[in-house]
Amino acid sequence: MQLTRFTDLGLRILMRLAVPASDAQTLTTRAVADQVAVNYHHATKVVARLQELGVVETRRGRHGGLALTERGRAASIGWLARQLEGHDEVIECDGANPCPLRNACRLRAVLRDAQEAFFEVLDPFTVDDLTQAPTAGVLLTLSARPPD
């Protein structure tokens, strides 16, 4: 199974927010996007979804920025992946060019079960688990990527 870019981005942003710098500088969406080497506009969409889920708090203005909530710190990676991935089917059977096997095929159910098994492996882990040593140290050394 392969996670979408959106989910990958969401997990990386959460990991970065889970490890605050010692100077207690508030991280902005732009700073985090630069640090985890992603497009700012994509990061803003992901941050908006993370805020909807209650795992990130955002503040506007001069002293604004992003902060990981307690819910975000303790959230299951499996739950987060399920929320960020959405509820789309693993394969498209009914689209513009429907599969001729769709009414008698067992593949869709087997793939759905495999997808759930994938998420279940992630369920015991939290954002805090992902940011233990040596990852925390690496997250703190991230700096803005060079301009394109």
Protein backbone atom coordinates (compact mmCIF):
# COMPACT_ATOMS: atom_id res chain seq x y z
CA MET A 1 0.00 0.00 0.00
CA GLN A 2 1.20 3.48 -0.76
CA LEU A 3 0.08 6.53 1.19
CA THR A 4 -0.93 9.65 -0.68
CA ARG A 5 1.39 12.63 -0.76
CA PHE A 6 -1.19 14.46 1.40
CA THR A 7 -0.89 11.88 4.20
CA ASP A 8 2.90 11.78 3.95
CA LEU A 9 2.99 15.55 4.25
CA GLY A 10 0.60 15.55 7.20
CA LEU A 11 2.68 13.05 9.14
CA ARG A 12 5.92 14.91 8.43
CA ILE A 13 4.41 18.21 9.54
CA LEU A 14 3.13 16.63 12.76
CA MET A 15 6.53 15.10 13.44
CA ARG A 16 8.23 18.48 12.99
CA LEU A 17 5.75 20.19 15.30
CA ALA A 18 6.23 17.49 17.93
CA VAL A 19 9.85 18.52 18.46
CA PRO A 20 9.96 22.18 19.51
CA ALA A 21 13.24 24.03 19.12
CA SER A 22 15.01 25.03 22.32
CA ASP A 23 14.63 28.72 21.46
CA ALA A 24 10.83 28.24 21.71
CA GLN A 25 10.37 29.99 18.37
CA THR A 26 6.85 29.51 17.03
CA LEU A 27 6.84 27.66 13.74
CA THR A 28 4.83 29.00 10.84
CA THR A 29 3.36 26.98 8.00
CA ARG A 30 5.95 28.46 5.64
CA ALA A 31 8.84 27.55 7.96
CA VAL A 32 7.62 23.98 8.44
CA ALA A 33 7.01 23.59 4.69
CA ASP A 34 10.55 24.72 4.00
CA GLN A 35 12.00 22.47 6.69
CA VAL A 36 10.27 19.32 5.47
CA ALA A 37 10.92 20.29 1.82
CA VAL A 38 7.36 20.62 0.55
CA ASN A 39 5.42 23.20 -1.41
CA TYR A 40 3.93 25.92 0.82
CA HIS A 41 0.51 25.79 -0.84
CA HIS A 42 0.27 22.03 -0.31
CA ALA A 43 1.37 22.49 3.29
CA THR A 44 -1.38 25.07 3.93
CA LYS A 45 -4.04 22.60 2.74
CA VAL A 46 -2.63 19.87 4.95
CA VAL A 47 -2.37 22.19 7.97
CA ALA A 48 -6.02 23.19 7.46
CA ARG A 49 -7.04 19.52 7.53
CA LEU A 50 -4.87 18.85 10.60
CA GLN A 51 -6.59 21.77 12.33
CA GLU A 52 -10.02 20.34 11.42
CA LEU A 53 -8.96 17.08 13.04
CA GLY A 54 -7.95 18.94 16.21
CA VAL A 55 -4.33 17.80 16.10
CA VAL A 56 -2.83 21.18 15.21
CA GLU A 57 -3.65 24.59 16.57
CA THR A 58 -3.10 27.62 14.34
CA ARG A 59 -2.81 31.24 15.42
CA ARG A 60 -2.79 34.23 13.10
CA GLY A 61 -1.01 37.50 13.51
CA ARG A 62 2.31 38.74 14.73
CA HIS A 63 2.67 36.04 17.37
CA GLY A 64 0.91 33.41 15.28
CA GLY A 65 2.08 30.03 14.15
CA LEU A 66 1.44 26.34 14.53
CA ALA A 67 1.37 24.13 17.58
CA LEU A 68 0.73 20.45 18.06
CA THR A 69 -2.19 19.83 20.40
CA GLU A 70 -2.21 17.16 23.09
CA ARG A 71 -4.63 15.23 20.91
CA GLY A 72 -2.10 15.45 18.08
CA ARG A 73 0.76 14.30 20.27
CA ALA A 74 -1.16 11.21 21.41
CA ALA A 75 -2.98 10.47 18.15
CA SER A 76 -2.57 7.03 16.64
CA ILE A 77 -0.67 7.05 13.36
CA GLY A 78 -3.25 4.58 12.04
CA TRP A 79 -6.10 6.93 12.92
CA LEU A 80 -4.27 9.89 11.38
CA ALA A 81 -3.54 7.95 8.18
CA ARG A 82 -7.19 6.89 7.91
CA GLN A 83 -8.37 10.48 8.34
CA LEU A 84 -5.85 11.95 5.90
CA GLU A 85 -6.28 9.22 3.28
CA GLY A 86 -10.05 9.58 3.23
CA HIS A 87 -12.48 6.83 2.44
CA ASP A 88 -11.75 6.21 -1.23
CA GLU A 89 -11.57 2.69 -2.55
CA VAL A 90 -8.15 1.14 -3.10
CA ILE A 91 -9.15 0.48 -6.70
CA GLU A 92 -11.69 2.20 -8.91
CA CYS A 93 -14.29 -0.27 -10.13
CA ASP A 94 -17.23 1.95 -11.03
CA GLY A 95 -15.71 5.03 -12.69
CA ALA A 96 -16.09 6.33 -16.23
CA ASN A 97 -14.74 3.03 -17.53
CA PRO A 98 -16.27 0.46 -15.15
CA CYS A 99 -14.61 -2.89 -14.62
CA PRO A 100 -16.58 -5.71 -16.26
CA LEU A 101 -15.90 -7.92 -13.21
CA ARG A 102 -17.30 -5.47 -10.64
CA ASN A 103 -20.51 -7.38 -9.93
CA ALA A 104 -18.81 -10.72 -9.26
CA CYS A 105 -15.30 -9.77 -8.22
CA ARG A 106 -13.84 -10.45 -4.78
CA LEU A 107 -10.70 -8.34 -5.35
CA ARG A 108 -12.25 -5.11 -4.03
CA ALA A 109 -13.09 -6.68 -0.64
CA VAL A 110 -9.69 -8.37 -0.35
CA LEU A 111 -7.90 -5.07 -1.07
CA ARG A 112 -10.11 -3.21 1.42
CA ASP A 113 -9.16 -5.81 4.08
CA ALA A 114 -5.48 -5.42 3.17
CA GLN A 115 -5.77 -1.64 3.49
CA GLU A 116 -7.33 -1.98 6.94
CA ALA A 117 -4.59 -4.41 7.98
CA PHE A 118 -2.02 -1.80 6.90
CA PHE A 119 -3.69 0.83 9.11
CA GLU A 120 -3.95 -1.61 12.02
CA VAL A 121 -0.16 -2.03 12.01
CA LEU A 122 0.11 1.76 12.42
CA ASP A 123 -2.52 1.97 15.19
CA PRO A 124 -0.23 1.33 18.20
CA PHE A 125 2.16 4.15 17.25
CA THR A 126 1.74 7.84 18.09
CA VAL A 127 3.37 11.01 16.81
CA ASP A 128 5.46 11.02 19.99
CA ASP A 129 6.67 7.49 19.19
CA LEU A 130 7.84 8.64 15.75
CA THR A 131 9.83 11.53 17.14
CA GLN A 132 12.02 9.68 19.62
CA ALA A 133 15.82 9.57 19.16
CA PRO A 134 17.41 9.66 16.67
CA THR A 135 14.55 11.29 14.74
CA ALA A 136 14.10 14.22 17.16
CA GLY A 137 17.67 15.35 16.67
CA VAL A 138 17.35 15.26 12.90
CA LEU A 139 14.06 17.19 13.00
CA LEU A 140 15.76 19.95 15.00
CA THR A 141 18.53 20.33 12.43
CA LEU A 142 16.19 20.87 9.51
CA SER A 143 16.56 24.25 7.92
CA ALA A 144 14.91 25.96 5.01
CA ARG A 145 15.62 24.37 1.68
CA PRO A 146 17.56 26.41 -0.84
CA PRO A 147 15.42 28.48 -3.23
CA ASP A 148 14.40 26.76 -6.47
